[in-house]
Amino acid sequence: LAYGITFPLLVGSDGKKFGKSEGGAIWLDGKKLSPYHMYQHLLRTPDSDVGKFLKMLTFLDMSEIEDIVARMDPSHPNHSGPNA
């Protein structure tokens, strides 16, 4: 008897899959990816992908994710996005 877990393919808003075959591998091992490159990757993540990635890749409460996404809107009174 075997059990398995499946996970939907992680794709960005551009439709490209998120992974090493697309040149977008994100390694958690500092020997394979420096903290600087991890930071740069996260910084370049399109705003439209942030909510989806937070939902799929973190254990944050949905209400917290919704608050983060809402604060990314430049019209939000507590805007926390670029140039905030």
N, C-alpha and C. Protein backbone atom coordinates (compact mmCIF):
# COMPACT_ATOMS: atom_id res chain seq x y z
N LEU A 1 0.85 -1.17 0.00
CA LEU A 1 0.00 0.00 0.00
C LEU A 1 0.89 1.23 0.00
N ALA A 2 0.58 2.19 -0.85
CA ALA A 2 1.39 3.42 -0.94
C ALA A 2 0.48 4.64 -0.88
N TYR A 3 0.97 5.65 -0.24
CA TYR A 3 0.23 6.91 -0.14
C TYR A 3 1.07 8.01 -0.77
N GLY A 4 0.41 9.01 -1.26
CA GLY A 4 1.13 10.13 -1.85
C GLY A 4 0.35 11.42 -1.68
N ILE A 5 1.04 12.48 -1.83
CA ILE A 5 0.42 13.80 -1.77
C ILE A 5 0.73 14.50 -3.08
N THR A 6 -0.26 15.13 -3.64
CA THR A 6 -0.02 15.89 -4.86
C THR A 6 -0.21 17.37 -4.56
N PHE A 7 0.39 18.18 -5.38
CA PHE A 7 0.35 19.62 -5.22
C PHE A 7 0.19 20.22 -6.60
N PRO A 8 -0.69 21.19 -6.78
CA PRO A 8 -0.85 21.78 -8.11
C PRO A 8 0.47 22.38 -8.61
N LEU A 9 0.66 22.33 -9.89
CA LEU A 9 1.85 22.93 -10.47
C LEU A 9 1.87 24.41 -10.14
N LEU A 10 2.99 24.88 -9.66
CA LEU A 10 3.13 26.28 -9.28
C LEU A 10 3.56 27.08 -10.51
N VAL A 11 2.68 27.96 -10.95
CA VAL A 11 2.99 28.80 -12.11
C VAL A 11 2.82 30.27 -11.73
N GLY A 12 3.59 31.11 -12.39
CA GLY A 12 3.49 32.54 -12.17
C GLY A 12 2.39 33.15 -13.02
N SER A 13 2.19 34.44 -12.85
CA SER A 13 1.14 35.12 -13.61
C SER A 13 1.43 35.12 -15.11
N ASP A 14 2.69 34.87 -15.47
CA ASP A 14 3.06 34.81 -16.88
C ASP A 14 2.81 33.43 -17.48
N GLY A 15 2.35 32.48 -16.66
CA GLY A 15 2.05 31.13 -17.13
C GLY A 15 3.24 30.19 -17.11
N LYS A 16 4.42 30.69 -16.79
CA LYS A 16 5.60 29.83 -16.72
C LYS A 16 5.63 29.10 -15.40
N LYS A 17 6.06 27.84 -15.47
CA LYS A 17 6.13 27.08 -14.23
C LYS A 17 7.29 27.58 -13.39
N PHE A 18 7.15 27.39 -12.13
CA PHE A 18 8.10 27.86 -11.13
C PHE A 18 9.02 26.68 -10.83
N GLY A 19 10.24 26.70 -11.32
CA GLY A 19 11.12 25.58 -11.05
C GLY A 19 12.44 25.68 -11.79
N LYS A 20 13.29 24.69 -11.53
CA LYS A 20 14.64 24.74 -12.07
C LYS A 20 14.70 24.57 -13.58
N SER A 21 13.77 23.84 -14.20
CA SER A 21 13.82 23.67 -15.65
C SER A 21 13.51 24.97 -16.39
N GLU A 22 12.86 25.93 -15.69
CA GLU A 22 12.58 27.24 -16.28
C GLU A 22 13.62 28.27 -15.87
N GLY A 23 14.66 27.83 -15.18
CA GLY A 23 15.68 28.76 -14.73
C GLY A 23 15.26 29.54 -13.49
N GLY A 24 14.22 29.07 -12.82
CA GLY A 24 13.73 29.79 -11.66
C GLY A 24 13.82 29.00 -10.38
N ALA A 25 14.81 28.13 -10.27
CA ALA A 25 14.93 27.31 -9.07
C ALA A 25 15.23 28.18 -7.86
N ILE A 26 14.53 27.92 -6.79
CA ILE A 26 14.76 28.60 -5.53
C ILE A 26 15.19 27.52 -4.54
N TRP A 27 16.44 27.57 -4.18
CA TRP A 27 16.99 26.60 -3.24
C TRP A 27 17.02 27.20 -1.85
N LEU A 28 16.67 26.42 -0.86
CA LEU A 28 16.73 26.88 0.53
C LEU A 28 18.11 26.63 1.13
N ASP A 29 18.96 25.95 0.39
CA ASP A 29 20.33 25.67 0.80
C ASP A 29 21.22 26.84 0.39
N GLY A 30 21.85 27.49 1.35
CA GLY A 30 22.71 28.64 1.08
C GLY A 30 23.89 28.33 0.17
N LYS A 31 24.24 27.04 0.03
CA LYS A 31 25.33 26.65 -0.87
C LYS A 31 24.87 26.65 -2.33
N LYS A 32 23.56 26.56 -2.54
CA LYS A 32 23.01 26.52 -3.90
C LYS A 32 22.43 27.85 -4.32
N LEU A 33 22.01 28.67 -3.35
CA LEU A 33 21.43 29.98 -3.66
C LEU A 33 21.75 30.92 -2.51
N SER A 34 22.43 32.00 -2.82
CA SER A 34 22.81 32.95 -1.77
C SER A 34 21.59 33.69 -1.24
N PRO A 35 21.66 34.17 0.00
CA PRO A 35 20.55 34.97 0.54
C PRO A 35 20.25 36.19 -0.34
N TYR A 36 21.28 36.78 -0.95
CA TYR A 36 21.08 37.93 -1.84
C TYR A 36 20.20 37.54 -3.02
N HIS A 37 20.50 36.41 -3.66
CA HIS A 37 19.71 35.97 -4.81
C HIS A 37 18.29 35.58 -4.41
N MET A 38 18.12 35.01 -3.21
CA MET A 38 16.77 34.71 -2.72
C MET A 38 15.99 36.01 -2.56
N TYR A 39 16.62 37.01 -1.95
CA TYR A 39 15.98 38.31 -1.77
C TYR A 39 15.60 38.93 -3.11
N GLN A 40 16.52 38.89 -4.07
CA GLN A 40 16.26 39.46 -5.39
C GLN A 40 15.10 38.74 -6.07
N HIS A 41 15.04 37.44 -5.92
CA HIS A 41 13.94 36.68 -6.53
C HIS A 41 12.60 37.12 -5.93
N LEU A 42 12.56 37.21 -4.61
CA LEU A 42 11.31 37.62 -3.95
C LEU A 42 10.93 39.04 -4.30
N LEU A 43 11.92 39.91 -4.42
CA LEU A 43 11.67 41.30 -4.76
C LEU A 43 11.09 41.43 -6.17
N ARG A 44 11.51 40.54 -7.08
CA ARG A 44 11.04 40.59 -8.48
C ARG A 44 9.71 39.87 -8.69
N THR A 45 9.19 39.23 -7.66
CA THR A 45 7.91 38.53 -7.80
C THR A 45 6.80 39.53 -8.10
N PRO A 46 6.07 39.34 -9.18
CA PRO A 46 4.98 40.27 -9.50
C PRO A 46 3.94 40.32 -8.38
N ASP A 47 3.40 41.50 -8.15
CA ASP A 47 2.39 41.66 -7.10
C ASP A 47 1.23 40.68 -7.28
N SER A 48 0.88 40.41 -8.52
CA SER A 48 -0.26 39.52 -8.79
C SER A 48 0.01 38.08 -8.32
N ASP A 49 1.27 37.72 -8.09
CA ASP A 49 1.62 36.37 -7.65
C ASP A 49 1.78 36.27 -6.13
N VAL A 50 1.94 37.38 -5.45
CA VAL A 50 2.27 37.35 -4.03
C VAL A 50 1.20 36.62 -3.22
N GLY A 51 -0.06 36.97 -3.39
CA GLY A 51 -1.13 36.32 -2.63
C GLY A 51 -1.17 34.82 -2.87
N LYS A 52 -1.08 34.43 -4.13
CA LYS A 52 -1.13 33.01 -4.47
C LYS A 52 0.03 32.26 -3.84
N PHE A 53 1.24 32.82 -3.92
CA PHE A 53 2.40 32.15 -3.36
C PHE A 53 2.31 32.09 -1.84
N LEU A 54 1.82 33.15 -1.20
CA LEU A 54 1.66 33.12 0.26
C LEU A 54 0.67 32.03 0.67
N LYS A 55 -0.40 31.88 -0.09
CA LYS A 55 -1.40 30.86 0.23
C LYS A 55 -0.85 29.45 0.05
N MET A 56 -0.03 29.26 -0.95
CA MET A 56 0.46 27.92 -1.26
C MET A 56 1.73 27.54 -0.51
N LEU A 57 2.54 28.53 -0.14
CA LEU A 57 3.87 28.22 0.37
C LEU A 57 4.12 28.63 1.82
N THR A 58 3.09 29.14 2.50
CA THR A 58 3.27 29.52 3.90
C THR A 58 2.15 28.93 4.75
N PHE A 59 2.28 29.08 6.05
CA PHE A 59 1.25 28.63 6.98
C PHE A 59 0.52 29.83 7.59
N LEU A 60 0.57 30.98 6.92
CA LEU A 60 -0.12 32.16 7.41
C LEU A 60 -1.63 31.94 7.35
N ASP A 61 -2.35 32.55 8.28
CA ASP A 61 -3.82 32.50 8.23
C ASP A 61 -4.30 33.23 6.99
N MET A 62 -5.39 32.78 6.42
CA MET A 62 -5.94 33.41 5.23
C MET A 62 -6.26 34.88 5.48
N SER A 63 -6.74 35.20 6.68
CA SER A 63 -7.05 36.60 6.98
C SER A 63 -5.79 37.47 6.95
N GLU A 64 -4.67 36.91 7.40
CA GLU A 64 -3.41 37.65 7.37
C GLU A 64 -2.93 37.86 5.93
N ILE A 65 -3.07 36.84 5.11
CA ILE A 65 -2.69 36.95 3.70
C ILE A 65 -3.56 37.99 3.01
N GLU A 66 -4.86 37.95 3.27
CA GLU A 66 -5.77 38.93 2.66
C GLU A 66 -5.40 40.35 3.09
N ASP A 67 -4.97 40.52 4.34
CA ASP A 67 -4.54 41.84 4.82
C ASP A 67 -3.27 42.29 4.10
N ILE A 68 -2.33 41.39 3.92
CA ILE A 68 -1.08 41.72 3.22
C ILE A 68 -1.39 42.15 1.79
N VAL A 69 -2.21 41.37 1.11
CA VAL A 69 -2.56 41.68 -0.28
C VAL A 69 -3.30 43.02 -0.36
N ALA A 70 -4.20 43.27 0.59
CA ALA A 70 -4.94 44.54 0.60
C ALA A 70 -3.98 45.72 0.79
N ARG A 71 -2.99 45.56 1.67
CA ARG A 71 -2.04 46.65 1.92
C ARG A 71 -1.11 46.90 0.74
N MET A 72 -1.05 45.97 -0.20
CA MET A 72 -0.23 46.17 -1.39
C MET A 72 -0.89 47.13 -2.37
N ASP A 73 -2.20 47.34 -2.24
CA ASP A 73 -2.94 48.26 -3.11
C ASP A 73 -2.53 49.70 -2.77
N PRO A 74 -2.02 50.44 -3.76
CA PRO A 74 -1.57 51.81 -3.49
C PRO A 74 -2.65 52.72 -2.88
N SER A 75 -3.93 52.39 -3.09
CA SER A 75 -4.99 53.22 -2.53
C SER A 75 -5.32 52.88 -1.09
N HIS A 76 -4.73 51.80 -0.57
CA HIS A 76 -4.98 51.40 0.82
C HIS A 76 -4.33 52.41 1.76
N PRO A 77 -5.01 52.81 2.84
CA PRO A 77 -4.45 53.81 3.76
C PRO A 77 -3.14 53.37 4.42
N ASN A 78 -2.93 52.08 4.57
CA ASN A 78 -1.68 51.58 5.15
C ASN A 78 -0.84 50.86 4.10
N HIS A 79 -0.77 51.45 2.92
CA HIS A 79 -0.03 50.85 1.78
C HIS A 79 1.38 50.46 2.21
N SER A 80 1.76 49.22 1.89
CA SER A 80 3.08 48.74 2.28
C SER A 80 3.86 48.18 1.10
N GLY A 81 3.52 48.61 -0.09
CA GLY A 81 4.21 48.12 -1.27
C GLY A 81 5.41 49.00 -1.62
N PRO A 82 5.97 48.83 -2.81
CA PRO A 82 7.09 49.65 -3.24
C PRO A 82 6.73 51.12 -3.17
N ASN A 83 7.69 51.92 -2.82
CA ASN A 83 7.54 53.38 -2.71
C ASN A 83 6.56 53.80 -1.63
N ALA A 84 6.37 52.93 -0.64
CA ALA A 84 5.45 53.25 0.45
C ALA A 84 6.10 54.23 1.41
